[in-house]
Amino acid sequence: MTASFDDIRAEVLPGEHLIARLPGLVAVIRRNNNTDSVLLAQLLELFRSASEANPEAPGRDLALQLTRWVVGASSVPDFGTVATAGEKLAVFLHGDINFGEVPEPGSDLAEDAIELAGREAAFTVDRLLNWPGGTFGLSVGPQTPGEGAPTIVGIPGWAGLRSGAVPGAGVVLGPRGSASPMTARPAAAKAVTAKPAAAADLAMTQEHPAPRKATPASNPPAGHPAPATPAPVAAAPVAPVVGAAVRTDAAPPAGAGPGAA
């Protein structure tokens, strides 16, 4: 099954720049100590607004907004975006940002592989491309292997980014044909419905235990008569308490009166 853009693996490479991922797009922004934090916030807000307006395919509208922003801004950091545009990918590069296919480990880059560099454009790179057949990446600086050139090929499986912004030098996106292990959705567990307890069972607690059922008497074995039931023992009379108060206002018994013997 073909995975959507948001399901494919996106692995961040170590670095001090900024990598962002939102529904429908990924972005790389070059930053240093001189980067204007206000412009950086404006750029991130453009990414957010385009993603929220059309999370399934923000690419075309995002390219238009970015072009207008670059024209009007006084100082623009180098940045690049890759966003979905229907069955295409919209790639926008400004400055020293590269986009291209990444060869598999131990393989050479194909002659017809896609390679784009923002620094080679007079203004910006704004392209609508078919999905690459394999892994592709977006990075600060050169990304193709070569003598003395850095590469964005990293160790897969441990630097995945699903959403948000993190420091990094670039981002590698896995093939479209398979979802990332981090984003693959596990099969739903079968629901287990517990049988409700009876009302009588709910009332039986430690304070109110269930009454013990009476056990019918069994017949004694032959030759062993049943023991006689002991007679009840009369309660012993209670001696009067010495010093106890005695009522003197009680009515005398019938027939008793003054002078009675």
C-alpha atoms as a PDB file:
ATOM      1  CA  MET A   1       0.000   0.000   0.000  1.00  0.00           C
ATOM      2  CA  THR A   2       1.290   3.460  -0.923  1.00  0.00           C
ATOM      3  CA  ALA A   3       1.841   5.616   2.138  1.00  0.00           C
ATOM      4  CA  SER A   4       0.757   9.223   2.371  1.00  0.00           C
ATOM      5  CA  PHE A   5       3.293  12.017   2.741  1.00  0.00           C
ATOM      6  CA  ASP A   6       2.689  12.205   6.495  1.00  0.00           C
ATOM      7  CA  ASP A   7       3.230   8.449   6.912  1.00  0.00           C
ATOM      8  CA  ILE A   8       6.634   8.178   5.280  1.00  0.00           C
ATOM      9  CA  ARG A   9       9.738   8.134   7.427  1.00  0.00           C
ATOM     10  CA  ALA A  10      11.391  11.518   8.040  1.00  0.00           C
ATOM     11  CA  GLU A  11      14.760  11.248   9.779  1.00  0.00           C
ATOM     12  CA  VAL A  12      16.583  14.293  11.077  1.00  0.00           C
ATOM     13  CA  LEU A  13      20.332  14.567  10.677  1.00  0.00           C
ATOM     14  CA  PRO A  14      22.369  16.139  13.482  1.00  0.00           C
ATOM     15  CA  GLY A  15      23.001  19.856  13.165  1.00  0.00           C
ATOM     16  CA  GLU A  16      22.317  23.321  14.516  1.00  0.00           C
ATOM     17  CA  HIS A  17      19.822  24.522  11.922  1.00  0.00           C
ATOM     18  CA  LEU A  18      16.045  24.094  12.138  1.00  0.00           C
ATOM     19  CA  ILE A  19      13.946  21.221  10.762  1.00  0.00           C
ATOM     20  CA  ALA A  20      10.143  21.486  10.769  1.00  0.00           C
ATOM     21  CA  ARG A  21       7.474  18.973   9.879  1.00  0.00           C
ATOM     22  CA  LEU A  22       3.781  19.774   9.624  1.00  0.00           C
ATOM     23  CA  PRO A  23       0.902  17.974   7.891  1.00  0.00           C
ATOM     24  CA  GLY A  24       1.712  17.935   4.188  1.00  0.00           C
ATOM     25  CA  LEU A  25       5.190  19.484   4.335  1.00  0.00           C
ATOM     26  CA  VAL A  26       8.726  19.444   5.673  1.00  0.00           C
ATOM     27  CA  ALA A  27      11.085  22.427   5.853  1.00  0.00           C
ATOM     28  CA  VAL A  28      14.709  23.276   6.579  1.00  0.00           C
ATOM     29  CA  ILE A  29      15.833  26.733   7.741  1.00  0.00           C
ATOM     30  CA  ARG A  30      19.472  27.755   7.935  1.00  0.00           C
ATOM     31  CA  ARG A  31      20.173  29.684  11.122  1.00  0.00           C
ATOM     32  CA  ASN A  32      23.123  31.080  13.024  1.00  0.00           C
ATOM     33  CA  ASN A  33      23.797  33.706  15.676  1.00  0.00           C
ATOM     34  CA  ASN A  34      22.799  36.476  13.247  1.00  0.00           C
ATOM     35  CA  THR A  35      19.439  34.979  12.267  1.00  0.00           C
ATOM     36  CA  ASP A  36      16.573  37.399  12.922  1.00  0.00           C
ATOM     37  CA  SER A  37      14.218  35.677  15.357  1.00  0.00           C
ATOM     38  CA  VAL A  38      11.274  37.777  14.129  1.00  0.00           C
ATOM     39  CA  LEU A  39      11.792  36.680  10.518  1.00  0.00           C
ATOM     40  CA  LEU A  40      12.245  33.106  11.680  1.00  0.00           C
ATOM     41  CA  ALA A  41       8.908  33.246  13.494  1.00  0.00           C
ATOM     42  CA  GLN A  42       7.218  34.738  10.423  1.00  0.00           C
ATOM     43  CA  LEU A  43       8.559  31.954   8.227  1.00  0.00           C
ATOM     44  CA  LEU A  44       7.381  29.256  10.606  1.00  0.00           C
ATOM     45  CA  GLU A  45       3.965  30.891  10.736  1.00  0.00           C
ATOM     46  CA  LEU A  46       3.752  30.763   6.923  1.00  0.00           C
ATOM     47  CA  PHE A  47       4.415  27.018   7.109  1.00  0.00           C
ATOM     48  CA  ARG A  48       1.747  26.587   9.757  1.00  0.00           C
ATOM     49  CA  SER A  49      -0.936  28.616   7.983  1.00  0.00           C
ATOM     50  CA  ALA A  50      -0.426  26.794   4.674  1.00  0.00           C
ATOM     51  CA  SER A  51      -0.553  23.417   6.403  1.00  0.00           C
ATOM     52  CA  GLU A  52      -3.697  24.250   8.343  1.00  0.00           C
ATOM     53  CA  ALA A  53      -5.456  25.655   5.257  1.00  0.00           C
ATOM     54  CA  ASN A  54      -4.847  22.516   3.175  1.00  0.00           C
ATOM     55  CA  PRO A  55      -3.089  19.736   5.088  1.00  0.00           C
ATOM     56  CA  GLU A  56      -3.538  17.228   2.250  1.00  0.00           C
ATOM     57  CA  ALA A  57      -1.878  19.385  -0.440  1.00  0.00           C
ATOM     58  CA  PRO A  58      -0.421  22.702   0.746  1.00  0.00           C
ATOM     59  CA  GLY A  59       2.360  22.828  -1.892  1.00  0.00           C
ATOM     60  CA  ARG A  60       1.032  25.314  -4.467  1.00  0.00           C
ATOM     61  CA  ASP A  61      -0.398  27.804  -2.008  1.00  0.00           C
ATOM     62  CA  LEU A  62       2.738  27.569   0.148  1.00  0.00           C
ATOM     63  CA  ALA A  63       4.979  28.406  -2.843  1.00  0.00           C
ATOM     64  CA  LEU A  64       2.884  31.484  -3.620  1.00  0.00           C
ATOM     65  CA  GLN A  65       2.984  32.716  -0.008  1.00  0.00           C
ATOM     66  CA  LEU A  66       6.734  32.118   0.274  1.00  0.00           C
ATOM     67  CA  THR A  67       7.432  34.021  -2.966  1.00  0.00           C
ATOM     68  CA  ARG A  68       5.498  37.038  -1.737  1.00  0.00           C
ATOM     69  CA  TRP A  69       7.232  36.895   1.645  1.00  0.00           C
ATOM     70  CA  VAL A  70      10.744  36.675   0.154  1.00  0.00           C
ATOM     71  CA  VAL A  71      10.037  39.666  -2.094  1.00  0.00           C
ATOM     72  CA  GLY A  72       8.770  41.798   0.771  1.00  0.00           C
ATOM     73  CA  ALA A  73      11.208  40.821   3.519  1.00  0.00           C
ATOM     74  CA  SER A  74      14.328  42.900   4.113  1.00  0.00           C
ATOM     75  CA  SER A  75      16.537  39.960   5.065  1.00  0.00           C
ATOM     76  CA  VAL A  76      15.643  36.334   4.447  1.00  0.00           C
ATOM     77  CA  PRO A  77      17.370  33.273   5.919  1.00  0.00           C
ATOM     78  CA  ASP A  78      18.176  30.389   3.606  1.00  0.00           C
ATOM     79  CA  PHE A  79      15.351  27.851   3.679  1.00  0.00           C
ATOM     80  CA  GLY A  80      13.662  25.139   1.678  1.00  0.00           C
ATOM     81  CA  THR A  81      10.373  23.254   1.706  1.00  0.00           C
ATOM     82  CA  VAL A  82       8.954  20.059   0.256  1.00  0.00           C
ATOM     83  CA  ALA A  83       5.166  19.876   0.248  1.00  0.00           C
ATOM     84  CA  THR A  84       2.487  17.747  -1.334  1.00  0.00           C
ATOM     85  CA  ALA A  85       0.559  19.073  -4.336  1.00  0.00           C
ATOM     86  CA  GLY A  86      -1.852  16.336  -5.322  1.00  0.00           C
ATOM     87  CA  GLU A  87       0.187  13.581  -6.955  1.00  0.00           C
ATOM     88  CA  LYS A  88       3.198  15.901  -7.197  1.00  0.00           C
ATOM     89  CA  LEU A  89       5.747  17.371  -4.820  1.00  0.00           C
ATOM     90  CA  ALA A  90       6.235  21.138  -4.673  1.00  0.00           C
ATOM     91  CA  VAL A  91       9.866  22.029  -3.929  1.00  0.00           C
ATOM     92  CA  PHE A  92      10.817  25.569  -2.927  1.00  0.00           C
ATOM     93  CA  LEU A  93      14.454  26.486  -2.255  1.00  0.00           C
ATOM     94  CA  HIS A  94      16.015  29.821  -1.331  1.00  0.00           C
ATOM     95  CA  GLY A  95      19.742  30.223  -0.718  1.00  0.00           C
ATOM     96  CA  ASP A  96      22.110  27.431   0.264  1.00  0.00           C
ATOM     97  CA  ILE A  97      19.508  24.651   0.540  1.00  0.00           C
ATOM     98  CA  ASN A  98      19.588  21.418  -1.473  1.00  0.00           C
ATOM     99  CA  PHE A  99      16.973  18.865  -2.469  1.00  0.00           C
ATOM    100  CA  GLY A 100      17.637  15.557  -4.176  1.00  0.00           C
ATOM    101  CA  GLU A 101      17.413  11.828  -4.265  1.00  0.00           C
ATOM    102  CA  VAL A 102      19.656   9.872  -1.916  1.00  0.00           C
ATOM    103  CA  PRO A 103      21.335   6.643  -3.098  1.00  0.00           C
ATOM    104  CA  GLU A 104      21.051   3.481  -1.088  1.00  0.00           C
ATOM    105  CA  PRO A 105      24.126   2.636   1.023  1.00  0.00           C
ATOM    106  CA  GLY A 106      26.809   1.160  -1.216  1.00  0.00           C
ATOM    107  CA  SER A 107      25.143   2.407  -4.412  1.00  0.00           C
ATOM    108  CA  ASP A 108      25.906   5.292  -6.745  1.00  0.00           C
ATOM    109  CA  LEU A 109      23.450   8.025  -7.540  1.00  0.00           C
ATOM    110  CA  ALA A 110      21.605   7.358 -10.787  1.00  0.00           C
ATOM    111  CA  GLU A 111      22.408   9.618 -13.737  1.00  0.00           C
ATOM    112  CA  ASP A 112      18.797  10.788 -14.010  1.00  0.00           C
ATOM    113  CA  ALA A 113      18.417  11.358 -10.249  1.00  0.00           C
ATOM    114  CA  ILE A 114      16.827  14.622  -9.149  1.00  0.00           C
ATOM    115  CA  GLU A 115      19.268  17.184  -7.733  1.00  0.00           C
ATOM    116  CA  LEU A 116      18.319  20.802  -7.019  1.00  0.00           C
ATOM    117  CA  ALA A 117      20.375  23.558  -5.355  1.00  0.00           C
ATOM    118  CA  GLY A 118      18.970  26.880  -4.221  1.00  0.00           C
ATOM    119  CA  ARG A 119      22.332  28.621  -4.474  1.00  0.00           C
ATOM    120  CA  GLU A 120      22.349  28.013  -8.245  1.00  0.00           C
ATOM    121  CA  ALA A 121      19.161  30.040  -8.784  1.00  0.00           C
ATOM    122  CA  ALA A 122      19.091  33.797  -9.383  1.00  0.00           C
ATOM    123  CA  PHE A 123      16.085  34.120  -7.089  1.00  0.00           C
ATOM    124  CA  THR A 124      14.493  30.879  -5.880  1.00  0.00           C
ATOM    125  CA  VAL A 125      13.939  27.324  -7.042  1.00  0.00           C
ATOM    126  CA  ASP A 126      10.213  26.671  -7.433  1.00  0.00           C
ATOM    127  CA  ARG A 127       9.533  23.269  -8.970  1.00  0.00           C
ATOM    128  CA  LEU A 128       6.658  20.802  -9.234  1.00  0.00           C
ATOM    129  CA  LEU A 129       8.089  17.254  -9.405  1.00  0.00           C
ATOM    130  CA  ASN A 130       6.976  13.672  -9.593  1.00  0.00           C
ATOM    131  CA  TRP A 131       7.535  11.670  -6.443  1.00  0.00           C
ATOM    132  CA  PRO A 132      11.061  10.213  -6.416  1.00  0.00           C
ATOM    133  CA  GLY A 133      11.179   6.449  -6.626  1.00  0.00           C
ATOM    134  CA  GLY A 134      13.352   6.088  -3.549  1.00  0.00           C
ATOM    135  CA  THR A 135      14.699   8.050  -0.609  1.00  0.00           C
ATOM    136  CA  PHE A 136      15.086  11.810  -0.977  1.00  0.00           C
ATOM    137  CA  GLY A 137      16.281  14.616   1.252  1.00  0.00           C
ATOM    138  CA  LEU A 138      16.295  18.305   2.029  1.00  0.00           C
ATOM    139  CA  SER A 139      19.387  19.800   3.642  1.00  0.00           C
ATOM    140  CA  VAL A 140      21.513  22.836   4.325  1.00  0.00           C
ATOM    141  CA  GLY A 141      24.436  22.810   1.891  1.00  0.00           C
ATOM    142  CA  PRO A 142      25.441  20.130  -0.623  1.00  0.00           C
ATOM    143  CA  GLN A 143      23.808  16.762  -0.168  1.00  0.00           C
ATOM    144  CA  THR A 144      25.290  14.652  -2.971  1.00  0.00           C
ATOM    145  CA  PRO A 145      28.246  12.421  -2.052  1.00  0.00           C
ATOM    146  CA  GLY A 146      31.566  13.629  -3.389  1.00  0.00           C
ATOM    147  CA  GLU A 147      35.111  14.555  -2.539  1.00  0.00           C
ATOM    148  CA  GLY A 148      34.987  16.650   0.604  1.00  0.00           C
ATOM    149  CA  ALA A 149      31.228  17.218   0.322  1.00  0.00           C
ATOM    150  CA  PRO A 150      28.901  16.394   3.226  1.00  0.00           C
ATOM    151  CA  THR A 151      26.044  14.006   2.720  1.00  0.00           C
ATOM    152  CA  ILE A 152      22.621  13.761   4.284  1.00  0.00           C
ATOM    153  CA  VAL A 153      22.677   9.976   4.410  1.00  0.00           C
ATOM    154  CA  GLY A 154      22.202   9.029   8.066  1.00  0.00           C
ATOM    155  CA  ILE A 155      21.483   5.985  10.177  1.00  0.00           C
ATOM    156  CA  PRO A 156      17.789   5.136   9.737  1.00  0.00           C
ATOM    157  CA  GLY A 157      15.471   4.238  12.537  1.00  0.00           C
ATOM    158  CA  TRP A 158      16.518   6.523  15.380  1.00  0.00           C
ATOM    159  CA  ALA A 159      15.958  10.140  14.377  1.00  0.00           C
ATOM    160  CA  GLY A 160      12.372  10.139  13.117  1.00  0.00           C
ATOM    161  CA  LEU A 161      10.290  13.314  13.177  1.00  0.00           C
ATOM    162  CA  ARG A 162       6.517  13.128  12.936  1.00  0.00           C
ATOM    163  CA  SER A 163       5.551  16.706  13.789  1.00  0.00           C
ATOM    164  CA  GLY A 164       7.077  19.894  15.179  1.00  0.00           C
ATOM    165  CA  ALA A 165      10.430  21.664  14.904  1.00  0.00           C
ATOM    166  CA  VAL A 166      13.838  20.372  16.038  1.00  0.00           C
ATOM    167  CA  PRO A 167      17.508  21.260  15.476  1.00  0.00           C
ATOM    168  CA  GLY A 168      19.199  19.511  12.581  1.00  0.00           C
ATOM    169  CA  ALA A 169      21.197  19.813   9.375  1.00  0.00           C
ATOM    170  CA  GLY A 170      18.691  18.139   7.101  1.00  0.00           C
ATOM    171  CA  VAL A 171      15.894  15.623   6.805  1.00  0.00           C
ATOM    172  CA  VAL A 172      15.782  12.361   4.848  1.00  0.00           C
ATOM    173  CA  LEU A 173      12.401  11.081   3.705  1.00  0.00           C
ATOM    174  CA  GLY A 174      11.921   7.397   3.054  1.00  0.00           C
ATOM    175  CA  PRO A 175      10.367   5.809  -0.034  1.00  0.00           C
ATOM    176  CA  ARG A 176       6.697   6.444  -0.608  1.00  0.00           C
ATOM    177  CA  GLY A 177       5.952   2.739  -0.964  1.00  0.00           C
ATOM    178  CA  SER A 178       6.263   1.961   2.737  1.00  0.00           C
ATOM    179  CA  ALA A 179       5.265   3.646   5.947  1.00  0.00           C
ATOM    180  CA  SER A 180       7.739   4.418   8.685  1.00  0.00           C
ATOM    181  CA  PRO A 181       7.939   1.900  11.537  1.00  0.00           C
ATOM    182  CA  MET A 182       7.299   4.828  13.840  1.00  0.00           C
ATOM    183  CA  THR A 183       4.095   5.829  12.050  1.00  0.00           C
ATOM    184  CA  ALA A 184       2.750   2.417  11.116  1.00  0.00           C
ATOM    185  CA  ARG A 185      -0.559   1.918  12.797  1.00  0.00           C
ATOM    186  CA  PRO A 186      -0.830  -1.312  14.823  1.00  0.00           C
ATOM    187  CA  ALA A 187      -3.799  -3.575  14.278  1.00  0.00           C
ATOM    188  CA  ALA A 188      -6.651  -2.760  16.579  1.00  0.00           C
ATOM    189  CA  ALA A 189      -6.859  -5.087  19.534  1.00  0.00           C
ATOM    190  CA  LYS A 190     -10.023  -7.120  19.857  1.00  0.00           C
ATOM    191  CA  ALA A 191     -12.363  -5.494  22.353  1.00  0.00           C
ATOM    192  CA  VAL A 192     -13.149  -7.558  25.406  1.00  0.00           C
ATOM    193  CA  THR A 193     -16.423  -6.792  27.155  1.00  0.00           C
ATOM    194  CA  ALA A 194     -16.477  -7.654  30.830  1.00  0.00           C
ATOM    195  CA  LYS A 195     -19.625  -9.312  32.144  1.00  0.00           C
ATOM    196  CA  PRO A 196     -21.314  -6.916  34.595  1.00  0.00           C
ATOM    197  CA  ALA A 197     -21.556  -8.169  38.139  1.00  0.00           C
ATOM    198  CA  ALA A 198     -24.971  -8.927  39.597  1.00  0.00           C
ATOM    199  CA  ALA A 199     -26.528  -6.364  41.892  1.00  0.00           C
ATOM    200  CA  ALA A 200     -26.361  -8.763  44.812  1.00  0.00           C
ATOM    201  CA  ASP A 201     -22.643  -9.288  44.257  1.00  0.00           C
ATOM    202  CA  LEU A 202     -21.987  -5.549  44.237  1.00  0.00           C
ATOM    203  CA  ALA A 203     -23.634  -5.213  47.684  1.00  0.00           C
ATOM    204  CA  MET A 204     -21.425  -7.853  49.290  1.00  0.00           C
ATOM    205  CA  THR A 205     -18.466  -6.052  50.743  1.00  0.00           C
ATOM    206  CA  GLN A 206     -16.152  -6.586  53.675  1.00  0.00           C
ATOM    207  CA  GLU A 207     -18.549  -4.606  55.836  1.00  0.00           C
ATOM    208  CA  HIS A 208     -21.550  -6.562  54.615  1.00  0.00           C
ATOM    209  CA  PRO A 209     -20.352 -10.082  53.793  1.00  0.00           C
ATOM    210  CA  ALA A 210     -22.654 -12.577  52.175  1.00  0.00           C
ATOM    211  CA  PRO A 211     -24.563 -14.678  54.706  1.00  0.00           C
ATOM    212  CA  ARG A 212     -23.203 -18.170  55.134  1.00  0.00           C
ATOM    213  CA  LYS A 213     -25.550 -20.819  53.819  1.00  0.00           C
ATOM    214  CA  ALA A 214     -26.874 -23.295  56.386  1.00  0.00           C
ATOM    215  CA  THR A 215     -25.475 -26.798  56.026  1.00  0.00           C
ATOM    216  CA  PRO A 216     -28.070 -29.551  56.558  1.00  0.00           C
ATOM    217  CA  ALA A 217     -27.257 -31.959  59.412  1.00  0.00           C
ATOM    218  CA  SER A 218     -25.934 -35.286  58.252  1.00  0.00           C
ATOM    219  CA  ASN A 219     -27.064 -38.638  59.718  1.00  0.00           C
ATOM    220  CA  PRO A 220     -24.562 -40.008  62.268  1.00  0.00           C
ATOM    221  CA  PRO A 221     -22.891 -43.274  61.376  1.00  0.00           C
ATOM    222  CA  ALA A 222     -24.284 -46.543  62.835  1.00  0.00           C
ATOM    223  CA  GLY A 223     -23.201 -47.238  66.397  1.00  0.00           C
ATOM    224  CA  HIS A 224     -22.394 -43.631  67.067  1.00  0.00           C
ATOM    225  CA  PRO A 225     -25.478 -41.766  68.255  1.00  0.00           C
ATOM    226  CA  ALA A 226     -25.573 -38.073  67.737  1.00  0.00           C
ATOM    227  CA  PRO A 227     -24.385 -36.130  70.756  1.00  0.00           C
ATOM    228  CA  ALA A 228     -27.108 -34.617  72.884  1.00  0.00           C
ATOM    229  CA  THR A 229     -27.670 -30.939  72.565  1.00  0.00           C
ATOM    230  CA  PRO A 230     -26.492 -29.285  75.795  1.00  0.00           C
ATOM    231  CA  ALA A 231     -29.167 -27.543  77.852  1.00  0.00           C
ATOM    232  CA  PRO A 232     -28.983 -23.775  77.950  1.00  0.00           C
ATOM    233  CA  VAL A 233     -27.136 -22.418  80.935  1.00  0.00           C
ATOM    234  CA  ALA A 234     -29.151 -20.005  83.086  1.00  0.00           C
ATOM    235  CA  ALA A 235     -27.670 -16.607  83.444  1.00  0.00           C
ATOM    236  CA  ALA A 236     -26.190 -15.958  86.876  1.00  0.00           C
ATOM    237  CA  PRO A 237     -27.932 -13.276  88.962  1.00  0.00           C
ATOM    238  CA  VAL A 238     -26.254  -9.982  88.836  1.00  0.00           C
ATOM    239  CA  ALA A 239     -25.227  -8.689  92.236  1.00  0.00           C
ATOM    240  CA  PRO A 240     -26.209  -5.133  93.067  1.00  0.00           C
ATOM    241  CA  VAL A 241     -23.490  -2.619  92.568  1.00  0.00           C
ATOM    242  CA  VAL A 242     -22.294  -1.169  95.796  1.00  0.00           C
ATOM    243  CA  GLY A 243     -22.771   2.535  95.939  1.00  0.00           C
ATOM    244  CA  ALA A 244     -25.195   2.587  93.020  1.00  0.00           C
ATOM    245  CA  ALA A 245     -27.877   5.252  93.185  1.00  0.00           C
ATOM    246  CA  VAL A 246     -31.384   4.000  94.073  1.00  0.00           C
ATOM    247  CA  ARG A 247     -34.530   5.859  93.043  1.00  0.00           C
ATOM    248  CA  THR A 248     -36.737   6.845  95.980  1.00  0.00           C
ATOM    249  CA  ASP A 249     -39.508   8.420  93.987  1.00  0.00           C
ATOM    250  CA  ALA A 250     -40.844   5.127  92.548  1.00  0.00           C
ATOM    251  CA  ALA A 251     -44.504   4.281  93.345  1.00  0.00           C
ATOM    252  CA  PRO A 252     -44.925   1.678  96.175  1.00  0.00           C
ATOM    253  CA  PRO A 253     -46.305  -1.741  95.202  1.00  0.00           C
ATOM    254  CA  ALA A 254     -50.075  -2.367  95.428  1.00  0.00           C
ATOM    255  CA  GLY A 255     -51.308  -2.905  99.007  1.00  0.00           C
ATOM    256  CA  ALA A 256     -48.287  -1.337 100.553  1.00  0.00           C
ATOM    257  CA  GLY A 257     -48.730   1.805 102.552  1.00  0.00           C
ATOM    258  CA  PRO A 258     -47.648   3.531 105.660  1.00  0.00           C
ATOM    259  CA  GLY A 259     -47.566   1.198 108.633  1.00  0.00           C
ATOM    260  CA  ALA A 260     -47.729  -1.975 106.495  1.00  0.00           C
ATOM    261  CA  ALA A 261     -45.950  -4.922 108.137  1.00  0.00           C
END
